[in-house]
Amino acid sequence: MPQVSPAPANEAGDAWLRDFDLNFGWTYKIKEKVELQPGIGFFNLMNFVNFDGPKNTLSGVLSLANQTAVPGTANGTPGEQPANLRIGTGSGVFGLGSPRVIEFTLKLNF
């Protein structure tokens, strides 16, 4: 069985991702098959500050014992700390870890 080399000393880790989401929605029945669903959603309601985003930079490949640890693999992360940059709102609708966001929704099901 192949041996996996240990992680390098002073391995850098990601900070915790803190997030608290809350959604409210309700349904109004207009006719037999028509429903109107308004709602409101709060993302990161407590406005937690997050510095390391939910990035997936590790390849998942383990370096074997007879090889040196390759940066970017699960047991070869760089030893220096990542830059402490606060996660911003970015673009689009998927902003996991960004500052507080409020979303209003209106759905019509028929």
PDB file of N, CA and C in Angstrom:
ATOM      1  N   MET A   1       0.836  -1.164   0.000  1.00  0.00           N
ATOM      2  CA  MET A   1       0.000   0.000   0.000  1.00  0.00           C
ATOM      3  C   MET A   1       0.889   1.237   0.000  1.00  0.00           C
ATOM      4  N   PRO A   2       0.595   2.225  -0.858  1.00  0.00           N
ATOM      5  CA  PRO A   2       1.444   3.423  -0.904  1.00  0.00           C
ATOM      6  C   PRO A   2       1.326   4.247   0.381  1.00  0.00           C
ATOM      7  N   GLN A   3       2.428   4.859   0.748  1.00  0.00           N
ATOM      8  CA  GLN A   3       2.468   5.707   1.927  1.00  0.00           C
ATOM      9  C   GLN A   3       2.250   7.159   1.516  1.00  0.00           C
ATOM     10  N   VAL A   4       1.487   7.889   2.293  1.00  0.00           N
ATOM     11  CA  VAL A   4       1.216   9.299   2.031  1.00  0.00           C
ATOM     12  C   VAL A   4       2.142  10.130   2.901  1.00  0.00           C
ATOM     13  N   SER A   5       2.811  11.086   2.290  1.00  0.00           N
ATOM     14  CA  SER A   5       3.726  11.922   3.062  1.00  0.00           C
ATOM     15  C   SER A   5       2.933  12.843   3.977  1.00  0.00           C
ATOM     16  N   PRO A   6       3.481  13.172   5.136  1.00  0.00           N
ATOM     17  CA  PRO A   6       2.754  14.058   6.061  1.00  0.00           C
ATOM     18  C   PRO A   6       2.669  15.480   5.513  1.00  0.00           C
ATOM     19  N   ALA A   7       1.747  16.218   6.073  1.00  0.00           N
ATOM     20  CA  ALA A   7       1.580  17.618   5.661  1.00  0.00           C
ATOM     21  C   ALA A   7       2.811  18.415   6.064  1.00  0.00           C
ATOM     22  N   PRO A   8       3.168  19.434   5.293  1.00  0.00           N
ATOM     23  CA  PRO A   8       4.335  20.242   5.646  1.00  0.00           C
ATOM     24  C   PRO A   8       4.093  21.032   6.933  1.00  0.00           C
ATOM     25  N   ALA A   9       5.180  21.414   7.565  1.00  0.00           N
ATOM     26  CA  ALA A   9       5.070  22.208   8.798  1.00  0.00           C
ATOM     27  C   ALA A   9       4.515  23.594   8.483  1.00  0.00           C
ATOM     28  N   ASN A  10       3.835  24.200   9.440  1.00  0.00           N
ATOM     29  CA  ASN A  10       3.242  25.539   9.309  1.00  0.00           C
ATOM     30  C   ASN A  10       2.299  25.641   8.118  1.00  0.00           C
ATOM     31  N   GLU A  11       1.494  24.635   7.952  1.00  0.00           N
ATOM     32  CA  GLU A  11       0.552  24.588   6.844  1.00  0.00           C
ATOM     33  C   GLU A  11      -0.526  25.659   7.025  1.00  0.00           C
ATOM     34  N   ALA A  12      -0.845  26.364   5.963  1.00  0.00           N
ATOM     35  CA  ALA A  12      -1.849  27.423   6.016  1.00  0.00           C
ATOM     36  C   ALA A  12      -3.243  26.812   5.926  1.00  0.00           C
ATOM     37  N   GLY A  13      -4.152  27.312   6.724  1.00  0.00           N
ATOM     38  CA  GLY A  13      -5.525  26.831   6.685  1.00  0.00           C
ATOM     39  C   GLY A  13      -6.473  27.970   6.386  1.00  0.00           C
ATOM     40  N   ASP A  14      -7.663  27.615   5.985  1.00  0.00           N
ATOM     41  CA  ASP A  14      -8.680  28.629   5.722  1.00  0.00           C
ATOM     42  C   ASP A  14      -9.371  29.025   7.023  1.00  0.00           C
ATOM     43  N   ALA A  15      -9.804  30.268   7.095  1.00  0.00           N
ATOM     44  CA  ALA A  15     -10.555  30.735   8.253  1.00  0.00           C
ATOM     45  C   ALA A  15     -11.977  30.178   8.190  1.00  0.00           C
ATOM     46  N   TRP A  16     -12.688  30.227   9.286  1.00  0.00           N
ATOM     47  CA  TRP A  16     -14.062  29.747   9.338  1.00  0.00           C
ATOM     48  C   TRP A  16     -14.949  30.615   8.466  1.00  0.00           C
ATOM     49  N   LEU A  17     -15.903  29.983   7.825  1.00  0.00           N
ATOM     50  CA  LEU A  17     -16.917  30.707   7.064  1.00  0.00           C
ATOM     51  C   LEU A  17     -18.154  30.783   7.947  1.00  0.00           C
ATOM     52  N   ARG A  18     -18.526  31.998   8.342  1.00  0.00           N
ATOM     53  CA  ARG A  18     -19.685  32.198   9.215  1.00  0.00           C
ATOM     54  C   ARG A  18     -20.790  32.841   8.402  1.00  0.00           C
ATOM     55  N   ASP A  19     -21.976  32.257   8.507  1.00  0.00           N
ATOM     56  CA  ASP A  19     -23.102  32.728   7.714  1.00  0.00           C
ATOM     57  C   ASP A  19     -24.386  32.331   8.421  1.00  0.00           C
ATOM     58  N   PHE A  20     -25.390  33.187   8.400  1.00  0.00           N
ATOM     59  CA  PHE A  20     -26.687  32.887   9.001  1.00  0.00           C
ATOM     60  C   PHE A  20     -27.759  33.431   8.067  1.00  0.00           C
ATOM     61  N   ASP A  21     -28.501  32.530   7.436  1.00  0.00           N
ATOM     62  CA  ASP A  21     -29.525  32.909   6.464  1.00  0.00           C
ATOM     63  C   ASP A  21     -30.914  32.642   7.042  1.00  0.00           C
ATOM     64  N   LEU A  22     -31.871  33.473   6.651  1.00  0.00           N
ATOM     65  CA  LEU A  22     -33.249  33.336   7.122  1.00  0.00           C
ATOM     66  C   LEU A  22     -34.189  33.721   5.985  1.00  0.00           C
ATOM     67  N   ASN A  23     -35.152  32.861   5.684  1.00  0.00           N
ATOM     68  CA  ASN A  23     -36.101  33.098   4.594  1.00  0.00           C
ATOM     69  C   ASN A  23     -37.532  32.972   5.101  1.00  0.00           C
ATOM     70  N   PHE A  24     -38.392  33.873   4.654  1.00  0.00           N
ATOM     71  CA  PHE A  24     -39.818  33.822   4.949  1.00  0.00           C
ATOM     72  C   PHE A  24     -40.571  33.814   3.620  1.00  0.00           C
ATOM     73  N   GLY A  25     -41.589  32.998   3.539  1.00  0.00           N
ATOM     74  CA  GLY A  25     -42.414  32.957   2.338  1.00  0.00           C
ATOM     75  C   GLY A  25     -43.818  32.499   2.700  1.00  0.00           C
ATOM     76  N   TRP A  26     -44.778  32.914   1.931  1.00  0.00           N
ATOM     77  CA  TRP A  26     -46.158  32.525   2.166  1.00  0.00           C
ATOM     78  C   TRP A  26     -46.862  32.407   0.822  1.00  0.00           C
ATOM     79  N   THR A  27     -48.039  31.788   0.834  1.00  0.00           N
ATOM     80  CA  THR A  27     -48.749  31.492  -0.403  1.00  0.00           C
ATOM     81  C   THR A  27     -50.158  32.052  -0.360  1.00  0.00           C
ATOM     82  N   TYR A  28     -50.554  32.726  -1.449  1.00  0.00           N
ATOM     83  CA  TYR A  28     -51.936  33.183  -1.650  1.00  0.00           C
ATOM     84  C   TYR A  28     -52.503  32.384  -2.821  1.00  0.00           C
ATOM     85  N   LYS A  29     -53.606  31.717  -2.584  1.00  0.00           N
ATOM     86  CA  LYS A  29     -54.250  30.960  -3.653  1.00  0.00           C
ATOM     87  C   LYS A  29     -55.247  31.867  -4.351  1.00  0.00           C
ATOM     88  N   ILE A  30     -55.054  32.109  -5.653  1.00  0.00           N
ATOM     89  CA  ILE A  30     -55.914  33.008  -6.407  1.00  0.00           C
ATOM     90  C   ILE A  30     -57.069  32.237  -7.037  1.00  0.00           C
ATOM     91  N   LYS A  31     -56.764  31.187  -7.724  1.00  0.00           N
ATOM     92  CA  LYS A  31     -57.778  30.296  -8.289  1.00  0.00           C
ATOM     93  C   LYS A  31     -57.372  28.877  -7.944  1.00  0.00           C
ATOM     94  N   GLU A  32     -58.076  27.922  -8.530  1.00  0.00           N
ATOM     95  CA  GLU A  32     -57.810  26.530  -8.182  1.00  0.00           C
ATOM     96  C   GLU A  32     -56.368  26.125  -8.475  1.00  0.00           C
ATOM     97  N   LYS A  33     -55.798  26.590  -9.579  1.00  0.00           N
ATOM     98  CA  LYS A  33     -54.440  26.183  -9.966  1.00  0.00           C
ATOM     99  C   LYS A  33     -53.467  27.350 -10.061  1.00  0.00           C
ATOM    100  N   VAL A  34     -53.777  28.483  -9.494  1.00  0.00           N
ATOM    101  CA  VAL A  34     -52.902  29.652  -9.558  1.00  0.00           C
ATOM    102  C   VAL A  34     -52.547  30.085  -8.136  1.00  0.00           C
ATOM    103  N   GLU A  35     -51.249  30.198  -7.868  1.00  0.00           N
ATOM    104  CA  GLU A  35     -50.769  30.628  -6.551  1.00  0.00           C
ATOM    105  C   GLU A  35     -49.773  31.766  -6.711  1.00  0.00           C
ATOM    106  N   LEU A  36     -49.848  32.718  -5.820  1.00  0.00           N
ATOM    107  CA  LEU A  36     -48.905  33.829  -5.754  1.00  0.00           C
ATOM    108  C   LEU A  36     -48.106  33.657  -4.471  1.00  0.00           C
ATOM    109  N   GLN A  37     -46.762  33.635  -4.594  1.00  0.00           N
ATOM    110  CA  GLN A  37     -45.900  33.380  -3.437  1.00  0.00           C
ATOM    111  C   GLN A  37     -44.907  34.521  -3.236  1.00  0.00           C
ATOM    112  N   PRO A  38     -45.259  35.510  -2.401  1.00  0.00           N
ATOM    113  CA  PRO A  38     -44.266  36.534  -2.043  1.00  0.00           C
ATOM    114  C   PRO A  38     -43.347  36.008  -0.939  1.00  0.00           C
ATOM    115  N   GLY A  39     -42.177  36.622  -0.819  1.00  0.00           N
ATOM    116  CA  GLY A  39     -41.249  36.208   0.224  1.00  0.00           C
ATOM    117  C   GLY A  39     -40.121  37.205   0.393  1.00  0.00           C
ATOM    118  N   ILE A  40     -39.385  37.008   1.466  1.00  0.00           N
ATOM    119  CA  ILE A  40     -38.223  37.839   1.759  1.00  0.00           C
ATOM    120  C   ILE A  40     -37.148  36.930   2.342  1.00  0.00           C
ATOM    121  N   GLY A  41     -35.906  37.170   1.942  1.00  0.00           N
ATOM    122  CA  GLY A  41     -34.791  36.383   2.443  1.00  0.00           C
ATOM    123  C   GLY A  41     -33.658  37.272   2.913  1.00  0.00           C
ATOM    124  N   PHE A  42     -33.069  36.906   4.025  1.00  0.00           N
ATOM    125  CA  PHE A  42     -31.922  37.625   4.580  1.00  0.00           C
ATOM    126  C   PHE A  42     -30.722  36.695   4.529  1.00  0.00           C
ATOM    127  N   PHE A  43     -29.667  37.108   3.871  1.00  0.00           N
ATOM    128  CA  PHE A  43     -28.456  36.312   3.764  1.00  0.00           C
ATOM    129  C   PHE A  43     -27.357  36.995   4.568  1.00  0.00           C
ATOM    130  N   ASN A  44     -26.664  36.212   5.409  1.00  0.00           N
ATOM    131  CA  ASN A  44     -25.683  36.708   6.375  1.00  0.00           C
ATOM    132  C   ASN A  44     -26.354  37.750   7.269  1.00  0.00           C
ATOM    133  N   LEU A  45     -27.456  37.355   7.872  1.00  0.00           N
ATOM    134  CA  LEU A  45     -28.291  38.240   8.680  1.00  0.00           C
ATOM    135  C   LEU A  45     -27.509  38.935   9.790  1.00  0.00           C
ATOM    136  N   MET A  46     -26.600  38.243  10.436  1.00  0.00           N
ATOM    137  CA  MET A  46     -25.821  38.826  11.537  1.00  0.00           C
ATOM    138  C   MET A  46     -24.647  39.660  11.031  1.00  0.00           C
ATOM    139  N   ASN A  47     -24.461  39.730   9.714  1.00  0.00           N
ATOM    140  CA  ASN A  47     -23.408  40.514   9.072  1.00  0.00           C
ATOM    141  C   ASN A  47     -22.020  40.127   9.579  1.00  0.00           C
ATOM    142  N   PHE A  48     -21.759  38.810   9.619  1.00  0.00           N
ATOM    143  CA  PHE A  48     -20.450  38.314  10.019  1.00  0.00           C
ATOM    144  C   PHE A  48     -19.401  38.731   8.998  1.00  0.00           C
ATOM    145  N   VAL A  49     -18.197  39.006   9.460  1.00  0.00           N
ATOM    146  CA  VAL A  49     -17.088  39.359   8.577  1.00  0.00           C
ATOM    147  C   VAL A  49     -16.371  38.067   8.191  1.00  0.00           C
ATOM    148  N   ASN A  50     -16.239  37.812   6.898  1.00  0.00           N
ATOM    149  CA  ASN A  50     -15.548  36.628   6.393  1.00  0.00           C
ATOM    150  C   ASN A  50     -14.373  37.066   5.532  1.00  0.00           C
ATOM    151  N   PHE A  51     -13.236  36.384   5.718  1.00  0.00           N
ATOM    152  CA  PHE A  51     -12.033  36.758   4.994  1.00  0.00           C
ATOM    153  C   PHE A  51     -11.628  35.742   3.932  1.00  0.00           C
ATOM    154  N   ASP A  52     -11.771  34.471   4.196  1.00  0.00           N
ATOM    155  CA  ASP A  52     -11.399  33.448   3.216  1.00  0.00           C
ATOM    156  C   ASP A  52     -12.668  32.917   2.575  1.00  0.00           C
ATOM    157  N   GLY A  53     -12.785  33.077   1.282  1.00  0.00           N
ATOM    158  CA  GLY A  53     -13.979  32.651   0.572  1.00  0.00           C
ATOM    159  C   GLY A  53     -14.088  31.140   0.459  1.00  0.00           C
ATOM    160  N   PRO A  54     -15.256  30.655   0.066  1.00  0.00           N
ATOM    161  CA  PRO A  54     -15.450  29.208  -0.084  1.00  0.00           C
ATOM    162  C   PRO A  54     -14.831  28.709  -1.380  1.00  0.00           C
ATOM    163  N   LYS A  55     -13.551  28.843  -1.473  1.00  0.00           N
ATOM    164  CA  LYS A  55     -12.858  28.458  -2.702  1.00  0.00           C
ATOM    165  C   LYS A  55     -12.436  26.994  -2.619  1.00  0.00           C
ATOM    166  N   ASN A  56     -12.302  26.382  -3.739  1.00  0.00           N
ATOM    167  CA  ASN A  56     -11.870  24.993  -3.804  1.00  0.00           C
ATOM    168  C   ASN A  56     -10.567  24.950  -4.584  1.00  0.00           C
ATOM    169  N   THR A  57      -9.465  25.238  -3.902  1.00  0.00           N
ATOM    170  CA  THR A  57      -8.184  25.333  -4.591  1.00  0.00           C
ATOM    171  C   THR A  57      -7.377  24.049  -4.519  1.00  0.00           C
ATOM    172  N   LEU A  58      -7.754  23.114  -3.661  1.00  0.00           N
ATOM    173  CA  LEU A  58      -6.988  21.880  -3.541  1.00  0.00           C
ATOM    174  C   LEU A  58      -7.481  20.857  -4.551  1.00  0.00           C
ATOM    175  N   SER A  59      -6.560  20.117  -5.146  1.00  0.00           N
ATOM    176  CA  SER A  59      -6.938  19.172  -6.192  1.00  0.00           C
ATOM    177  C   SER A  59      -7.488  17.871  -5.638  1.00  0.00           C
ATOM    178  N   GLY A  60      -7.188  17.526  -4.386  1.00  0.00           N
ATOM    179  CA  GLY A  60      -7.641  16.269  -3.819  1.00  0.00           C
ATOM    180  C   GLY A  60      -6.683  15.124  -4.060  1.00  0.00           C
ATOM    181  N   VAL A  61      -5.643  15.347  -4.864  1.00  0.00           N
ATOM    182  CA  VAL A  61      -4.633  14.324  -5.138  1.00  0.00           C
ATOM    183  C   VAL A  61      -3.594  14.385  -4.025  1.00  0.00           C
ATOM    184  N   LEU A  62      -3.261  13.244  -3.441  1.00  0.00           N
ATOM    185  CA  LEU A  62      -2.250  13.202  -2.388  1.00  0.00           C
ATOM    186  C   LEU A  62      -0.896  12.880  -2.999  1.00  0.00           C
ATOM    187  N   SER A  63       0.137  13.568  -2.526  1.00  0.00           N
ATOM    188  CA  SER A  63       1.497  13.268  -2.962  1.00  0.00           C
ATOM    189  C   SER A  63       1.961  12.010  -2.240  1.00  0.00           C
ATOM    190  N   LEU A  64       2.614  11.120  -2.935  1.00  0.00           N
ATOM    191  CA  LEU A  64       3.083   9.876  -2.332  1.00  0.00           C
ATOM    192  C   LEU A  64       4.345  10.119  -1.518  1.00  0.00           C
ATOM    193  N   ALA A  65       4.716   9.142  -0.697  1.00  0.00           N
ATOM    194  CA  ALA A  65       5.845   9.287   0.226  1.00  0.00           C
ATOM    195  C   ALA A  65       7.171   9.488  -0.497  1.00  0.00           C
ATOM    196  N   ASN A  66       7.327   8.912  -1.686  1.00  0.00           N
ATOM    197  CA  ASN A  66       8.604   9.053  -2.384  1.00  0.00           C
ATOM    198  C   ASN A  66       8.674  10.317  -3.227  1.00  0.00           C
ATOM    199  N   GLN A  67       7.629  11.136  -3.194  1.00  0.00           N
ATOM    200  CA  GLN A  67       7.615  12.396  -3.934  1.00  0.00           C
ATOM    201  C   GLN A  67       7.556  13.552  -2.940  1.00  0.00           C
ATOM    202  N   THR A  68       7.918  14.712  -3.404  1.00  0.00           N
ATOM    203  CA  THR A  68       7.759  15.894  -2.554  1.00  0.00           C
ATOM    204  C   THR A  68       6.329  16.400  -2.668  1.00  0.00           C
ATOM    205  N   ALA A  69       5.856  17.070  -1.632  1.00  0.00           N
ATOM    206  CA  ALA A  69       4.488  17.590  -1.635  1.00  0.00           C
ATOM    207  C   ALA A  69       4.359  18.682  -2.692  1.00  0.00           C
ATOM    208  N   VAL A  70       3.392  18.561  -3.549  1.00  0.00           N
ATOM    209  CA  VAL A  70       3.175  19.495  -4.647  1.00  0.00           C
ATOM    210  C   VAL A  70       2.195  20.571  -4.196  1.00  0.00           C
ATOM    211  N   PRO A  71       2.512  21.865  -4.342  1.00  0.00           N
ATOM    212  CA  PRO A  71       1.561  22.909  -3.958  1.00  0.00           C
ATOM    213  C   PRO A  71       0.250  22.761  -4.721  1.00  0.00           C
ATOM    214  N   GLY A  72      -0.843  22.921  -4.010  1.00  0.00           N
ATOM    215  CA  GLY A  72      -2.157  22.776  -4.613  1.00  0.00           C
ATOM    216  C   GLY A  72      -2.794  21.431  -4.347  1.00  0.00           C
ATOM    217  N   THR A  73      -2.037  20.501  -3.748  1.00  0.00           N
ATOM    218  CA  THR A  73      -2.605  19.216  -3.379  1.00  0.00           C
ATOM    219  C   THR A  73      -2.996  19.242  -1.910  1.00  0.00           C
ATOM    220  N   ALA A  74      -3.732  18.234  -1.468  1.00  0.00           N
ATOM    221  CA  ALA A  74      -4.249  18.228  -0.104  1.00  0.00           C
ATOM    222  C   ALA A  74      -3.151  18.218   0.953  1.00  0.00           C
ATOM    223  N   ASN A  75      -2.016  17.598   0.692  1.00  0.00           N
ATOM    224  CA  ASN A  75      -0.927  17.608   1.670  1.00  0.00           C
ATOM    225  C   ASN A  75       0.244  18.467   1.206  1.00  0.00           C
ATOM    226  N   GLY A  76      -0.031  19.478   0.393  1.00  0.00           N
ATOM    227  CA  GLY A  76       1.029  20.366  -0.081  1.00  0.00           C
ATOM    228  C   GLY A  76       0.586  21.809  -0.154  1.00  0.00           C
ATOM    229  N   THR A  77      -0.179  22.273   0.835  1.00  0.00           N
ATOM    230  CA  THR A  77      -0.611  23.668   0.820  1.00  0.00           C
ATOM    231  C   THR A  77       0.559  24.573   1.159  1.00  0.00           C
ATOM    232  N   PRO A  78       0.571  25.795   0.685  1.00  0.00           N
ATOM    233  CA  PRO A  78       1.691  26.689   0.981  1.00  0.00           C
ATOM    234  C   PRO A  78       1.730  27.054   2.457  1.00  0.00           C
ATOM    235  N   GLY A  79       2.925  27.334   2.950  1.00  0.00           N
ATOM    236  CA  GLY A  79       3.092  27.635   4.367  1.00  0.00           C
ATOM    237  C   GLY A  79       2.719  29.045   4.756  1.00  0.00           C
ATOM    238  N   GLU A  80       2.666  29.968   3.818  1.00  0.00           N
ATOM    239  CA  GLU A  80       2.341  31.348   4.173  1.00  0.00           C
ATOM    240  C   GLU A  80       0.825  31.530   4.280  1.00  0.00           C
ATOM    241  N   GLN A  81       0.413  32.482   5.092  1.00  0.00           N
ATOM    242  CA  GLN A  81      -1.012  32.764   5.261  1.00  0.00           C
ATOM    243  C   GLN A  81      -1.541  33.498   4.043  1.00  0.00           C
ATOM    244  N   PRO A  82      -2.786  33.226   3.648  1.00  0.00           N
ATOM    245  CA  PRO A  82      -3.369  33.960   2.531  1.00  0.00           C
ATOM    246  C   PRO A  82      -3.630  35.416   2.906  1.00  0.00           C
ATOM    247  N   ALA A  83      -3.791  36.247   1.917  1.00  0.00           N
ATOM    248  CA  ALA A  83      -4.066  37.663   2.168  1.00  0.00           C
ATOM    249  C   ALA A  83      -5.407  37.805   2.874  1.00  0.00           C
ATOM    250  N   ASN A  84      -5.453  38.629   3.886  1.00  0.00           N
ATOM    251  CA  ASN A  84      -6.685  38.839   4.635  1.00  0.00           C
ATOM    252  C   ASN A  84      -7.541  39.886   3.940  1.00  0.00           C
ATOM    253  N   LEU A  85      -8.258  39.454   2.940  1.00  0.00           N
ATOM    254  CA  LEU A  85      -9.155  40.326   2.206  1.00  0.00           C
ATOM    255  C   LEU A  85     -10.593  39.953   2.551  1.00  0.00           C
ATOM    256  N   ARG A  86     -11.385  40.942   2.912  1.00  0.00           N
ATOM    257  CA  ARG A  86     -12.774  40.679   3.249  1.00  0.00           C
ATOM    258  C   ARG A  86     -13.548  40.316   1.990  1.00  0.00           C
ATOM    259  N   ILE A  87     -14.437  39.348   2.114  1.00  0.00           N
ATOM    260  CA  ILE A  87     -15.260  38.933   0.981  1.00  0.00           C
ATOM    261  C   ILE A  87     -16.246  40.052   0.677  1.00  0.00           C
ATOM    262  N   GLY A  88     -16.321  40.453  -0.583  1.00  0.00           N
ATOM    263  CA  GLY A  88     -17.246  41.502  -0.998  1.00  0.00           C
ATOM    264  C   GLY A  88     -18.497  40.920  -1.607  1.00  0.00           C
ATOM    265  N   THR A  89     -19.348  41.804  -2.103  1.00  0.00           N
ATOM    266  CA  THR A  89     -20.604  41.343  -2.675  1.00  0.00           C
ATOM    267  C   THR A  89     -20.398  40.691  -4.025  1.00  0.00           C
ATOM    268  N   GLY A  90     -19.385  41.071  -4.773  1.00  0.00           N
ATOM    269  CA  GLY A  90     -19.116  40.450  -6.060  1.00  0.00           C
ATOM    270  C   GLY A  90     -20.220  40.731  -7.061  1.00  0.00           C
ATOM    271  N   SER A  91     -20.392  39.814  -7.998  1.00  0.00           N
ATOM    272  CA  SER A  91     -21.445  39.967  -8.984  1.00  0.00           C
ATOM    273  C   SER A  91     -22.261  38.691  -9.028  1.00  0.00           C
ATOM    274  N   GLY A  92     -23.473  38.801  -9.480  1.00  0.00           N
ATOM    275  CA  GLY A  92     -24.350  37.642  -9.537  1.00  0.00           C
ATOM    276  C   GLY A  92     -25.114  37.450  -8.241  1.00  0.00           C
ATOM    277  N   VAL A  93     -25.753  36.310  -8.119  1.00  0.00           N
ATOM    278  CA  VAL A  93     -26.609  36.074  -6.956  1.00  0.00           C
ATOM    279  C   VAL A  93     -25.992  35.114  -5.954  1.00  0.00           C
ATOM    280  N   PHE A  94     -24.858  34.527  -6.250  1.00  0.00           N
ATOM    281  CA  PHE A  94     -24.245  33.580  -5.324  1.00  0.00           C
ATOM    282  C   PHE A  94     -23.080  34.257  -4.622  1.00  0.00           C
ATOM    283  N   GLY A  95     -23.345  34.840  -3.462  1.00  0.00           N
ATOM    284  CA  GLY A  95     -22.318  35.555  -2.724  1.00  0.00           C
ATOM    285  C   GLY A  95     -22.122  34.974  -1.341  1.00  0.00           C
ATOM    286  N   LEU A  96     -21.782  33.684  -1.241  1.00  0.00           N
ATOM    287  CA  LEU A  96     -21.625  33.034   0.051  1.00  0.00           C
ATOM    288  C   LEU A  96     -20.525  33.712   0.859  1.00  0.00           C
ATOM    289  N   GLY A  97     -20.860  34.181   2.060  1.00  0.00           N
ATOM    290  CA  GLY A  97     -19.899  34.836   2.928  1.00  0.00           C
ATOM    291  C   GLY A  97     -19.817  36.333   2.743  1.00  0.00           C
ATOM    292  N   SER A  98     -20.570  36.889   1.824  1.00  0.00           N
ATOM    293  CA  SER A  98     -20.539  38.338   1.589  1.00  0.00           C
ATOM    294  C   SER A  98     -21.300  39.067   2.694  1.00  0.00           C
ATOM    295  N   PRO A  99     -21.188  40.403   2.778  1.00  0.00           N
ATOM    296  CA  PRO A  99     -21.946  41.145   3.786  1.00  0.00           C
ATOM    297  C   PRO A  99     -23.452  40.951   3.607  1.00  0.00           C
ATOM    298  N   ARG A 100     -24.229  41.435   4.573  1.00  0.00           N
ATOM    299  CA  ARG A 100     -25.677  41.218   4.623  1.00  0.00           C
ATOM    300  C   ARG A 100     -26.359  41.603   3.312  1.00  0.00           C
ATOM    301  N   VAL A 101     -27.260  40.737   2.864  1.00  0.00           N
ATOM    302  CA  VAL A 101     -28.026  40.951   1.639  1.00  0.00           C
ATOM    303  C   VAL A 101     -29.484  40.642   1.940  1.00  0.00           C
ATOM    304  N   ILE A 102     -30.394  41.461   1.418  1.00  0.00           N
ATOM    305  CA  ILE A 102     -31.832  41.217   1.552  1.00  0.00           C
ATOM    306  C   ILE A 102     -32.390  40.969   0.153  1.00  0.00           C
ATOM    307  N   GLU A 103     -33.200  39.919   0.029  1.00  0.00           N
ATOM    308  CA  GLU A 103     -33.759  39.551  -1.266  1.00  0.00           C
ATOM    309  C   GLU A 103     -35.277  39.455  -1.153  1.00  0.00           C
ATOM    310  N   PHE A 104     -35.976  40.106  -2.057  1.00  0.00           N
ATOM    311  CA  PHE A 104     -37.430  40.010  -2.132  1.00  0.00           C
ATOM    312  C   PHE A 104     -37.783  39.108  -3.301  1.00  0.00           C
ATOM    313  N   THR A 105     -38.764  38.236  -3.109  1.00  0.00           N
ATOM    314  CA  THR A 105     -39.171  37.323  -4.174  1.00  0.00           C
ATOM    315  C   THR A 105     -40.661  37.422  -4.416  1.00  0.00           C
ATOM    316  N   LEU A 106     -41.051  37.126  -5.636  1.00  0.00           N
ATOM    317  CA  LEU A 106     -42.461  37.071  -6.019  1.00  0.00           C
ATOM    318  C   LEU A 106     -42.593  35.992  -7.085  1.00  0.00           C
ATOM    319  N   LYS A 107     -43.259  34.890  -6.734  1.00  0.00           N
ATOM    320  CA  LYS A 107     -43.416  33.767  -7.641  1.00  0.00           C
ATOM    321  C   LYS A 107     -44.886  33.602  -8.006  1.00  0.00           C
ATOM    322  N   LEU A 108     -45.122  33.258  -9.241  1.00  0.00           N
ATOM    323  CA  LEU A 108     -46.471  32.962  -9.711  1.00  0.00           C
ATOM    324  C   LEU A 108     -46.463  31.535 -10.233  1.00  0.00           C
ATOM    325  N   ASN A 109     -47.173  30.648  -9.570  1.00  0.00           N
ATOM    326  CA  ASN A 109     -47.263  29.242  -9.966  1.00  0.00           C
ATOM    327  C   ASN A 109     -48.627  28.986 -10.588  1.00  0.00           C
ATOM    328  N   PHE A 110     -48.626  28.398 -11.772  1.00  0.00           N
ATOM    329  CA  PHE A 110     -49.895  28.070 -12.428  1.00  0.00           C
ATOM    330  C   PHE A 110     -49.788  26.753 -13.135  1.00  0.00           C
TER     331      PHE A 110
END
